[in-house]
PDB file of all heavy atoms in Angstrom:
ATOM      1  N   PRO A   1       0.830  -1.212   0.000  1.00  0.00           N
ATOM      2  CA  PRO A   1       0.000   0.000   0.000  1.00  0.00           C
ATOM      3  C   PRO A   1       0.861   1.257   0.000  1.00  0.00           C
ATOM      4  O   PRO A   1       1.965   1.258   0.559  1.00  0.00           O
ATOM      5  CB  PRO A   1      -0.813  -0.125   1.300  1.00  0.00           C
ATOM      6  CG  PRO A   1      -0.018  -1.052   2.156  1.00  0.00           C
ATOM      7  CD  PRO A   1       0.647  -2.013   1.229  1.00  0.00           C
ATOM      8  N   PRO A   2       0.382   2.331  -0.616  1.00  0.00           N
ATOM      9  CA  PRO A   2       1.167   3.571  -0.645  1.00  0.00           C
ATOM     10  C   PRO A   2       1.462   4.076   0.765  1.00  0.00           C
ATOM     11  O   PRO A   2       0.639   3.942   1.679  1.00  0.00           O
ATOM     12  CB  PRO A   2       0.269   4.547  -1.398  1.00  0.00           C
ATOM     13  CG  PRO A   2      -0.674   3.679  -2.180  1.00  0.00           C
ATOM     14  CD  PRO A   2      -0.896   2.460  -1.345  1.00  0.00           C
ATOM     15  N   CYS A   3       2.652   4.651   0.923  1.00  0.00           N
ATOM     16  CA  CYS A   3       3.036   5.276   2.192  1.00  0.00           C
ATOM     17  C   CYS A   3       3.626   6.634   1.834  1.00  0.00           C
ATOM     18  O   CYS A   3       4.782   6.737   1.426  1.00  0.00           O
ATOM     19  CB  CYS A   3       4.045   4.409   2.937  1.00  0.00           C
ATOM     20  SG  CYS A   3       4.443   5.000   4.607  1.00  0.00           S
ATOM     21  N   THR A   4       2.809   7.679   1.968  1.00  0.00           N
ATOM     22  CA  THR A   4       3.168   8.995   1.466  1.00  0.00           C
ATOM     23  C   THR A   4       2.941  10.065   2.523  1.00  0.00           C
ATOM     24  O   THR A   4       2.263   9.843   3.534  1.00  0.00           O
ATOM     25  CB  THR A   4       2.328   9.341   0.229  1.00  0.00           C
ATOM     26  OG1 THR A   4       0.948   9.467   0.626  1.00  0.00           O
ATOM     27  CG2 THR A   4       2.443   8.262  -0.841  1.00  0.00           C
ATOM     28  N   THR A   5       3.493  11.225   2.251  1.00  0.00           N
ATOM     29  CA  THR A   5       3.209  12.377   3.110  1.00  0.00           C
ATOM     30  C   THR A   5       1.726  12.710   3.062  1.00  0.00           C
ATOM     31  O   THR A   5       1.105  13.041   4.084  1.00  0.00           O
ATOM     32  CB  THR A   5       4.038  13.591   2.657  1.00  0.00           C
ATOM     33  OG1 THR A   5       5.430  13.269   2.711  1.00  0.00           O
ATOM     34  CG2 THR A   5       3.767  14.796   3.548  1.00  0.00           C
ATOM     35  N   ALA A   6       1.123  12.607   1.869  1.00  0.00           N
ATOM     36  CA  ALA A   6      -0.285  12.967   1.696  1.00  0.00           C
ATOM     37  C   ALA A   6      -1.216  12.094   2.521  1.00  0.00           C
ATOM     38  O   ALA A   6      -2.200  12.597   3.088  1.00  0.00           O
ATOM     39  CB  ALA A   6      -0.660  12.891   0.217  1.00  0.00           C
ATOM     40  N   ASN A   7      -0.936  10.791   2.603  1.00  0.00           N
ATOM     41  CA  ASN A   7      -1.825   9.923   3.387  1.00  0.00           C
ATOM     42  C   ASN A   7      -1.360   9.765   4.834  1.00  0.00           C
ATOM     43  O   ASN A   7      -1.888   8.938   5.579  1.00  0.00           O
ATOM     44  CB  ASN A   7      -2.017   8.560   2.720  1.00  0.00           C
ATOM     45  CG  ASN A   7      -0.769   7.697   2.721  1.00  0.00           C
ATOM     46  OD1 ASN A   7       0.225   7.973   3.393  1.00  0.00           O
ATOM     47  ND2 ASN A   7      -0.811   6.621   1.938  1.00  0.00           N
ATOM     48  N   LYS A   8      -0.359  10.555   5.221  1.00  0.00           N
ATOM     49  CA  LYS A   8       0.156  10.643   6.592  1.00  0.00           C
ATOM     50  C   LYS A   8       0.816   9.353   7.071  1.00  0.00           C
ATOM     51  O   LYS A   8       1.008   9.151   8.274  1.00  0.00           O
ATOM     52  CB  LYS A   8      -0.949  11.068   7.564  1.00  0.00           C
ATOM     53  CG  LYS A   8      -1.521  12.445   7.244  1.00  0.00           C
ATOM     54  CD  LYS A   8      -2.553  12.890   8.264  1.00  0.00           C
ATOM     55  CE  LYS A   8      -3.075  14.286   7.914  1.00  0.00           C
ATOM     56  NZ  LYS A   8      -4.089  14.757   8.897  1.00  0.00           N
ATOM     57  N   CYS A   9       1.192   8.493   6.130  1.00  0.00           N
ATOM     58  CA  CYS A   9       1.950   7.303   6.483  1.00  0.00           C
ATOM     59  C   CYS A   9       3.441   7.617   6.577  1.00  0.00           C
ATOM     60  O   CYS A   9       4.143   7.049   7.408  1.00  0.00           O
ATOM     61  CB  CYS A   9       1.712   6.210   5.438  1.00  0.00           C
ATOM     62  SG  CYS A   9       2.757   4.751   5.593  1.00  0.00           S
ATOM     63  N   PHE A  10       3.927   8.535   5.754  1.00  0.00           N
ATOM     64  CA  PHE A  10       5.350   8.872   5.676  1.00  0.00           C
ATOM     65  C   PHE A  10       5.564  10.297   6.154  1.00  0.00           C
ATOM     66  O   PHE A  10       4.830  11.218   5.767  1.00  0.00           O
ATOM     67  CB  PHE A  10       5.833   8.726   4.233  1.00  0.00           C
ATOM     68  CG  PHE A  10       7.279   9.087   4.025  1.00  0.00           C
ATOM     69  CD1 PHE A  10       8.281   8.190   4.307  1.00  0.00           C
ATOM     70  CD2 PHE A  10       7.626  10.338   3.524  1.00  0.00           C
ATOM     71  CE1 PHE A  10       9.620   8.521   4.100  1.00  0.00           C
ATOM     72  CE2 PHE A  10       8.956  10.679   3.310  1.00  0.00           C
ATOM     73  CZ  PHE A  10       9.956   9.766   3.602  1.00  0.00           C
ATOM     74  N   LYS A  11       6.568  10.488   6.997  1.00  0.00           N
ATOM     75  CA  LYS A  11       6.903  11.826   7.481  1.00  0.00           C
ATOM     76  C   LYS A  11       8.418  11.967   7.509  1.00  0.00           C
ATOM     77  O   LYS A  11       9.115  11.159   8.119  1.00  0.00           O
ATOM     78  CB  LYS A  11       6.327  12.072   8.873  1.00  0.00           C
ATOM     79  CG  LYS A  11       6.543  13.494   9.394  1.00  0.00           C
ATOM     80  CD  LYS A  11       5.860  13.689  10.742  1.00  0.00           C
ATOM     81  CE  LYS A  11       5.978  15.125  11.234  1.00  0.00           C
ATOM     82  NZ  LYS A  11       5.294  15.313  12.545  1.00  0.00           N
ATOM     83  N   LYS A  12       8.904  13.002   6.854  1.00  0.00           N
ATOM     84  CA  LYS A  12      10.337  13.286   6.813  1.00  0.00           C
ATOM     85  C   LYS A  12      10.611  14.581   7.573  1.00  0.00           C
ATOM     86  O   LYS A  12       9.947  15.598   7.341  1.00  0.00           O
ATOM     87  CB  LYS A  12      10.786  13.405   5.354  1.00  0.00           C
ATOM     88  CG  LYS A  12      12.208  13.900   5.156  1.00  0.00           C
ATOM     89  CD  LYS A  12      12.512  13.971   3.659  1.00  0.00           C
ATOM     90  CE  LYS A  12      13.726  14.826   3.361  1.00  0.00           C
ATOM     91  NZ  LYS A  12      14.011  14.897   1.906  1.00  0.00           N
ATOM     92  N   VAL A  13      11.588  14.532   8.497  1.00  0.00           N
ATOM     93  CA  VAL A  13      11.924  15.706   9.297  1.00  0.00           C
ATOM     94  C   VAL A  13      13.444  15.818   9.406  1.00  0.00           C
ATOM     95  O   VAL A  13      14.178  14.851   9.176  1.00  0.00           O
ATOM     96  CB  VAL A  13      11.317  15.640  10.720  1.00  0.00           C
ATOM     97  CG1 VAL A  13       9.794  15.581  10.655  1.00  0.00           C
ATOM     98  CG2 VAL A  13      11.867  14.456  11.497  1.00  0.00           C
ATOM     99  N   ASN A  14      13.913  17.005   9.788  1.00  0.00           N
ATOM    100  CA  ASN A  14      15.333  17.162  10.080  1.00  0.00           C
ATOM    101  C   ASN A  14      15.588  16.758  11.533  1.00  0.00           C
ATOM    102  O   ASN A  14      14.670  16.331  12.241  1.00  0.00           O
ATOM    103  CB  ASN A  14      15.812  18.586   9.776  1.00  0.00           C
ATOM    104  CG  ASN A  14      15.166  19.639  10.668  1.00  0.00           C
ATOM    105  OD1 ASN A  14      14.607  19.348  11.729  1.00  0.00           O
ATOM    106  ND2 ASN A  14      15.241  20.898  10.242  1.00  0.00           N
ATOM    107  N   GLN A  15      16.821  16.872  11.982  1.00  0.00           N
ATOM    108  CA  GLN A  15      17.138  16.351  13.318  1.00  0.00           C
ATOM    109  C   GLN A  15      16.472  17.148  14.438  1.00  0.00           C
ATOM    110  O   GLN A  15      16.390  16.676  15.580  1.00  0.00           O
ATOM    111  CB  GLN A  15      18.647  16.296  13.540  1.00  0.00           C
ATOM    112  CG  GLN A  15      19.337  17.610  13.769  1.00  0.00           C
ATOM    113  CD  GLN A  15      20.815  17.428  14.069  1.00  0.00           C
ATOM    114  OE1 GLN A  15      21.508  16.679  13.395  1.00  0.00           O
ATOM    115  NE2 GLN A  15      21.309  18.109  15.094  1.00  0.00           N
ATOM    116  N   ASP A  16      15.944  18.336  14.116  1.00  0.00           N
ATOM    117  CA  ASP A  16      15.203  19.121  15.100  1.00  0.00           C
ATOM    118  C   ASP A  16      13.708  18.882  15.028  1.00  0.00           C
ATOM    119  O   ASP A  16      12.936  19.532  15.734  1.00  0.00           O
ATOM    120  CB  ASP A  16      15.495  20.613  14.905  1.00  0.00           C
ATOM    121  CG  ASP A  16      16.963  20.946  15.144  1.00  0.00           C
ATOM    122  OD1 ASP A  16      17.536  20.394  16.110  1.00  0.00           O
ATOM    123  OD2 ASP A  16      17.524  21.731  14.368  1.00  0.00           O
ATOM    124  N   GLY A  17      13.287  17.978  14.131  1.00  0.00           N
ATOM    125  CA  GLY A  17      11.875  17.645  14.030  1.00  0.00           C
ATOM    126  C   GLY A  17      11.091  18.503  13.071  1.00  0.00           C
ATOM    127  O   GLY A  17       9.859  18.421  13.036  1.00  0.00           O
ATOM    128  N   GLU A  18      11.765  19.319  12.255  1.00  0.00           N
ATOM    129  CA  GLU A  18      11.085  20.216  11.322  1.00  0.00           C
ATOM    130  C   GLU A  18      10.921  19.552   9.958  1.00  0.00           C
ATOM    131  O   GLU A  18      11.835  18.873   9.472  1.00  0.00           O
ATOM    132  CB  GLU A  18      11.903  21.501  11.148  1.00  0.00           C
ATOM    133  CG  GLU A  18      12.167  22.250  12.431  1.00  0.00           C
ATOM    134  CD  GLU A  18      13.232  23.333  12.265  1.00  0.00           C
ATOM    135  OE1 GLU A  18      14.041  23.241  11.318  1.00  0.00           O
ATOM    136  OE2 GLU A  18      13.237  24.257  13.091  1.00  0.00           O
ATOM    137  N   GLN A  19       9.763  19.788   9.344  1.00  0.00           N
ATOM    138  CA  GLN A  19       9.550  19.330   7.979  1.00  0.00           C
ATOM    139  C   GLN A  19      10.051  20.410   7.021  1.00  0.00           C
ATOM    140  O   GLN A  19       9.289  21.179   6.463  1.00  0.00           O
ATOM    141  CB  GLN A  19       8.073  19.008   7.746  1.00  0.00           C
ATOM    142  CG  GLN A  19       7.617  17.763   8.489  1.00  0.00           C
ATOM    143  CD  GLN A  19       6.177  17.410   8.202  1.00  0.00           C
ATOM    144  OE1 GLN A  19       5.249  18.043   8.704  1.00  0.00           O
ATOM    145  NE2 GLN A  19       5.983  16.379   7.382  1.00  0.00           N
ATOM    146  N   GLY A  20      11.343  20.427   6.834  1.00  0.00           N
ATOM    147  CA  GLY A  20      12.012  21.452   6.041  1.00  0.00           C
ATOM    148  C   GLY A  20      13.372  21.729   6.641  1.00  0.00           C
ATOM    149  O   GLY A  20      13.775  21.127   7.642  1.00  0.00           O
ATOM    150  N   ASN A  21      14.113  22.652   6.016  1.00  0.00           N
ATOM    151  CA  ASN A  21      15.470  22.972   6.473  1.00  0.00           C
ATOM    152  C   ASN A  21      16.331  21.718   6.582  1.00  0.00           C
ATOM    153  O   ASN A  21      17.046  21.510   7.568  1.00  0.00           O
ATOM    154  CB  ASN A  21      15.429  23.689   7.822  1.00  0.00           C
ATOM    155  CG  ASN A  21      14.695  25.009   7.759  1.00  0.00           C
ATOM    156  OD1 ASN A  21      14.893  25.788   6.829  1.00  0.00           O
ATOM    157  ND2 ASN A  21      13.837  25.260   8.742  1.00  0.00           N
ATOM    158  N   TYR A  22      16.255  20.893   5.545  1.00  0.00           N
ATOM    159  CA  TYR A  22      16.978  19.628   5.573  1.00  0.00           C
ATOM    160  C   TYR A  22      18.472  19.844   5.349  1.00  0.00           C
ATOM    161  O   TYR A  22      18.891  20.845   4.753  1.00  0.00           O
ATOM    162  CB  TYR A  22      16.421  18.685   4.504  1.00  0.00           C
ATOM    163  CG  TYR A  22      14.969  18.351   4.717  1.00  0.00           C
ATOM    164  CD1 TYR A  22      14.008  18.724   3.771  1.00  0.00           C
ATOM    165  CD2 TYR A  22      14.543  17.685   5.861  1.00  0.00           C
ATOM    166  CE1 TYR A  22      12.665  18.435   3.964  1.00  0.00           C
ATOM    167  CE2 TYR A  22      13.212  17.391   6.064  1.00  0.00           C
ATOM    168  CZ  TYR A  22      12.271  17.771   5.120  1.00  0.00           C
ATOM    169  OH  TYR A  22      10.942  17.487   5.326  1.00  0.00           O
ATOM    170  N   PRO A  23      19.290  18.917   5.812  1.00  0.00           N
ATOM    171  CA  PRO A  23      20.730  19.041   5.577  1.00  0.00           C
ATOM    172  C   PRO A  23      21.069  18.861   4.100  1.00  0.00           C
ATOM    173  O   PRO A  23      20.208  18.516   3.282  1.00  0.00           O
ATOM    174  CB  PRO A  23      21.323  17.907   6.427  1.00  0.00           C
ATOM    175  CG  PRO A  23      20.218  16.919   6.556  1.00  0.00           C
ATOM    176  CD  PRO A  23      18.947  17.718   6.597  1.00  0.00           C
ATOM    177  N   ALA A  24      22.315  19.067   3.773  1.00  0.00           N
ATOM    178  CA  ALA A  24      22.763  18.896   2.390  1.00  0.00           C
ATOM    179  C   ALA A  24      22.676  17.427   1.991  1.00  0.00           C
ATOM    180  O   ALA A  24      22.867  16.534   2.811  1.00  0.00           O
ATOM    181  CB  ALA A  24      24.199  19.389   2.239  1.00  0.00           C
ATOM    182  N   PRO A  25      22.394  17.142   0.714  1.00  0.00           N
ATOM    183  CA  PRO A  25      22.358  15.752   0.259  1.00  0.00           C
ATOM    184  C   PRO A  25      23.749  15.120   0.277  1.00  0.00           C
ATOM    185  O   PRO A  25      24.766  15.811   0.235  1.00  0.00           O
ATOM    186  CB  PRO A  25      21.831  15.858  -1.179  1.00  0.00           C
ATOM    187  CG  PRO A  25      21.206  17.209  -1.270  1.00  0.00           C
ATOM    188  CD  PRO A  25      21.979  18.079  -0.330  1.00  0.00           C
ATOM    189  N   ASN A  26      23.758  13.795   0.337  1.00  0.00           N
ATOM    190  CA  ASN A  26      24.993  13.026   0.268  1.00  0.00           C
ATOM    191  C   ASN A  26      24.682  11.745  -0.493  1.00  0.00           C
ATOM    192  O   ASN A  26      23.890  10.920  -0.022  1.00  0.00           O
ATOM    193  CB  ASN A  26      25.499  12.717   1.679  1.00  0.00           C
ATOM    194  CG  ASN A  26      26.796  11.934   1.691  1.00  0.00           C
ATOM    195  OD1 ASN A  26      26.880  10.839   1.132  1.00  0.00           O
ATOM    196  ND2 ASN A  26      27.808  12.467   2.352  1.00  0.00           N
ATOM    197  N   PRO A  27      25.277  11.526  -1.687  1.00  0.00           N
ATOM    198  CA  PRO A  27      24.882  10.378  -2.512  1.00  0.00           C
ATOM    199  C   PRO A  27      25.136   9.032  -1.854  1.00  0.00           C
ATOM    200  O   PRO A  27      24.410   8.067  -2.106  1.00  0.00           O
ATOM    201  CB  PRO A  27      25.712  10.552  -3.791  1.00  0.00           C
ATOM    202  CG  PRO A  27      26.821  11.483  -3.421  1.00  0.00           C
ATOM    203  CD  PRO A  27      26.273  12.376  -2.360  1.00  0.00           C
ATOM    204  N   ASP A  28      26.166   8.930  -1.016  1.00  0.00           N
ATOM    205  CA  ASP A  28      26.427   7.665  -0.336  1.00  0.00           C
ATOM    206  C   ASP A  28      25.315   7.340   0.646  1.00  0.00           C
ATOM    207  O   ASP A  28      24.767   6.238   0.652  1.00  0.00           O
ATOM    208  CB  ASP A  28      27.767   7.722   0.400  1.00  0.00           C
ATOM    209  CG  ASP A  28      28.945   7.793  -0.552  1.00  0.00           C
ATOM    210  OD1 ASP A  28      28.733   7.600  -1.760  1.00  0.00           O
ATOM    211  OD2 ASP A  28      30.069   8.055  -0.090  1.00  0.00           O
ATOM    212  N   TRP A  29      24.970   8.302   1.480  1.00  0.00           N
ATOM    213  CA  TRP A  29      23.929   8.065   2.467  1.00  0.00           C
ATOM    214  C   TRP A  29      22.545   7.953   1.829  1.00  0.00           C
ATOM    215  O   TRP A  29      21.644   7.355   2.418  1.00  0.00           O
ATOM    216  CB  TRP A  29      23.946   9.156   3.526  1.00  0.00           C
ATOM    217  CG  TRP A  29      25.008   8.943   4.556  1.00  0.00           C
ATOM    218  CD1 TRP A  29      26.331   9.240   4.439  1.00  0.00           C
ATOM    219  CD2 TRP A  29      24.844   8.371   5.863  1.00  0.00           C
ATOM    220  NE1 TRP A  29      26.998   8.887   5.589  1.00  0.00           N
ATOM    221  CE2 TRP A  29      26.115   8.365   6.483  1.00  0.00           C
ATOM    222  CE3 TRP A  29      23.747   7.885   6.569  1.00  0.00           C
ATOM    223  CZ2 TRP A  29      26.321   7.874   7.773  1.00  0.00           C
ATOM    224  CZ3 TRP A  29      23.945   7.394   7.868  1.00  0.00           C
ATOM    225  CH2 TRP A  29      25.216   7.387   8.448  1.00  0.00           C
ATOM    226  N   GLU A  30      22.358   8.503   0.631  1.00  0.00           N
ATOM    227  CA  GLU A  30      21.060   8.370  -0.041  1.00  0.00           C
ATOM    228  C   GLU A  30      20.721   6.906  -0.282  1.00  0.00           C
ATOM    229  O   GLU A  30      19.578   6.480  -0.078  1.00  0.00           O
ATOM    230  CB  GLU A  30      21.076   9.133  -1.368  1.00  0.00           C
ATOM    231  CG  GLU A  30      20.986  10.643  -1.216  1.00  0.00           C
ATOM    232  CD  GLU A  30      21.075  11.350  -2.546  1.00  0.00           C
ATOM    233  OE1 GLU A  30      20.718  10.738  -3.580  1.00  0.00           O
ATOM    234  OE2 GLU A  30      21.505  12.520  -2.571  1.00  0.00           O
ATOM    235  N   LEU A  31      21.679   6.113  -0.732  1.00  0.00           N
ATOM    236  CA  LEU A  31      21.417   4.697  -0.948  1.00  0.00           C
ATOM    237  C   LEU A  31      21.105   4.001   0.376  1.00  0.00           C
ATOM    238  O   LEU A  31      20.204   3.159   0.458  1.00  0.00           O
ATOM    239  CB  LEU A  31      22.593   4.026  -1.648  1.00  0.00           C
ATOM    240  CG  LEU A  31      22.334   2.600  -2.125  1.00  0.00           C
ATOM    241  CD1 LEU A  31      22.935   2.358  -3.492  1.00  0.00           C
ATOM    242  CD2 LEU A  31      22.877   1.575  -1.134  1.00  0.00           C
ATOM    243  N   GLU A  32      21.836   4.342   1.429  1.00  0.00           N
ATOM    244  CA  GLU A  32      21.549   3.793   2.756  1.00  0.00           C
ATOM    245  C   GLU A  32      20.130   4.113   3.181  1.00  0.00           C
ATOM    246  O   GLU A  32      19.409   3.251   3.714  1.00  0.00           O
ATOM    247  CB  GLU A  32      22.536   4.378   3.766  1.00  0.00           C
ATOM    248  CG  GLU A  32      22.182   4.139   5.226  1.00  0.00           C
ATOM    249  CD  GLU A  32      22.249   2.683   5.624  1.00  0.00           C
ATOM    250  OE1 GLU A  32      23.209   2.013   5.243  1.00  0.00           O
ATOM    251  OE2 GLU A  32      21.319   2.212   6.311  1.00  0.00           O
ATOM    252  N   GLU A  33      19.693   5.325   2.932  1.00  0.00           N
ATOM    253  CA  GLU A  33      18.360   5.741   3.360  1.00  0.00           C
ATOM    254  C   GLU A  33      17.272   5.003   2.588  1.00  0.00           C
ATOM    255  O   GLU A  33      16.252   4.596   3.169  1.00  0.00           O
ATOM    256  CB  GLU A  33      18.263   7.266   3.215  1.00  0.00           C
ATOM    257  CG  GLU A  33      19.120   7.976   4.248  1.00  0.00           C
ATOM    258  CD  GLU A  33      19.542   9.387   3.879  1.00  0.00           C
ATOM    259  OE1 GLU A  33      19.433   9.779   2.702  1.00  0.00           O
ATOM    260  OE2 GLU A  33      20.005  10.107   4.782  1.00  0.00           O
ATOM    261  N   SER A  34      17.484   4.794   1.301  1.00  0.00           N
ATOM    262  CA  SER A  34      16.527   4.002   0.522  1.00  0.00           C
ATOM    263  C   SER A  34      16.448   2.578   1.057  1.00  0.00           C
ATOM    264  O   SER A  34      15.355   2.004   1.181  1.00  0.00           O
ATOM    265  CB  SER A  34      16.939   3.984  -0.954  1.00  0.00           C
ATOM    266  OG  SER A  34      16.798   5.255  -1.541  1.00  0.00           O
ATOM    267  N   LEU A  35      17.604   1.997   1.369  1.00  0.00           N
ATOM    268  CA  LEU A  35      17.636   0.653   1.950  1.00  0.00           C
ATOM    269  C   LEU A  35      16.807   0.580   3.219  1.00  0.00           C
ATOM    270  O   LEU A  35      15.956  -0.314   3.382  1.00  0.00           O
ATOM    271  CB  LEU A  35      19.091   0.268   2.229  1.00  0.00           C
ATOM    272  CG  LEU A  35      19.345  -0.895   3.192  1.00  0.00           C
ATOM    273  CD1 LEU A  35      18.726  -2.175   2.679  1.00  0.00           C
ATOM    274  CD2 LEU A  35      20.842  -1.069   3.421  1.00  0.00           C
ATOM    275  N   ASP A  36      17.019   1.505   4.129  1.00  0.00           N
ATOM    276  CA  ASP A  36      16.307   1.480   5.409  1.00  0.00           C
ATOM    277  C   ASP A  36      14.795   1.593   5.223  1.00  0.00           C
ATOM    278  O   ASP A  36      14.016   0.848   5.831  1.00  0.00           O
ATOM    279  CB  ASP A  36      16.805   2.616   6.299  1.00  0.00           C
ATOM    280  CG  ASP A  36      18.222   2.411   6.785  1.00  0.00           C
ATOM    281  OD1 ASP A  36      18.695   1.268   6.786  1.00  0.00           O
ATOM    282  OD2 ASP A  36      18.863   3.414   7.166  1.00  0.00           O
ATOM    283  N   LEU A  37      14.380   2.530   4.395  1.00  0.00           N
ATOM    284  CA  LEU A  37      12.945   2.736   4.173  1.00  0.00           C
ATOM    285  C   LEU A  37      12.314   1.524   3.496  1.00  0.00           C
ATOM    286  O   LEU A  37      11.185   1.129   3.834  1.00  0.00           O
ATOM    287  CB  LEU A  37      12.727   3.988   3.329  1.00  0.00           C
ATOM    288  CG  LEU A  37      13.207   5.314   3.947  1.00  0.00           C
ATOM    289  CD1 LEU A  37      13.102   6.437   2.932  1.00  0.00           C
ATOM    290  CD2 LEU A  37      12.423   5.651   5.210  1.00  0.00           C
ATOM    291  N   ASP A  38      13.025   0.914   2.564  1.00  0.00           N
ATOM    292  CA  ASP A  38      12.483  -0.254   1.868  1.00  0.00           C
ATOM    293  C   ASP A  38      12.344  -1.446   2.806  1.00  0.00           C
ATOM    294  O   ASP A  38      11.387  -2.225   2.702  1.00  0.00           O
ATOM    295  CB  ASP A  38      13.378  -0.625   0.687  1.00  0.00           C
ATOM    296  CG  ASP A  38      13.298   0.386  -0.453  1.00  0.00           C
ATOM    297  OD1 ASP A  38      12.453   1.294  -0.380  1.00  0.00           O
ATOM    298  OD2 ASP A  38      14.098   0.265  -1.400  1.00  0.00           O
ATOM    299  N   MET A  39      13.288  -1.620   3.738  1.00  0.00           N
ATOM    300  CA  MET A  39      13.195  -2.769   4.656  1.00  0.00           C
ATOM    301  C   MET A  39      12.026  -2.617   5.630  1.00  0.00           C
ATOM    302  O   MET A  39      11.366  -3.600   5.977  1.00  0.00           O
ATOM    303  CB  MET A  39      14.510  -2.943   5.411  1.00  0.00           C
ATOM    304  CG  MET A  39      15.659  -3.453   4.549  1.00  0.00           C
ATOM    305  SD  MET A  39      15.290  -4.996   3.667  1.00  0.00           S
ATOM    306  CE  MET A  39      14.793  -4.368   2.040  1.00  0.00           C
ATOM    307  N   VAL A  40      11.749  -1.404   6.076  1.00  0.00           N
ATOM    308  CA  VAL A  40      10.557  -1.205   6.907  1.00  0.00           C
ATOM    309  C   VAL A  40       9.314  -1.580   6.108  1.00  0.00           C
ATOM    310  O   VAL A  40       8.413  -2.280   6.612  1.00  0.00           O
ATOM    311  CB  VAL A  40      10.462   0.252   7.397  1.00  0.00           C
ATOM    312  CG1 VAL A  40       9.167   0.449   8.200  1.00  0.00           C
ATOM    313  CG2 VAL A  40      11.665   0.619   8.250  1.00  0.00           C
ATOM    314  N   SER A  41       9.251  -1.145   4.862  1.00  0.00           N
ATOM    315  CA  SER A  41       8.104  -1.450   4.007  1.00  0.00           C
ATOM    316  C   SER A  41       7.950  -2.949   3.790  1.00  0.00           C
ATOM    317  O   SER A  41       6.837  -3.470   3.769  1.00  0.00           O
ATOM    318  CB  SER A  41       8.269  -0.741   2.662  1.00  0.00           C
ATOM    319  OG  SER A  41       8.339   0.659   2.828  1.00  0.00           O
TER     320      SER A  41
END
């Protein structure tokens, strides 16, 4: 089933809990983050 911000299943925040003001991207950690999210799913 979809898990999105719109259906309130998915929520992305920075380390202070804000939805915005995210840190700079990092291509190495991006793959790690996809792995983690996919395993929960």
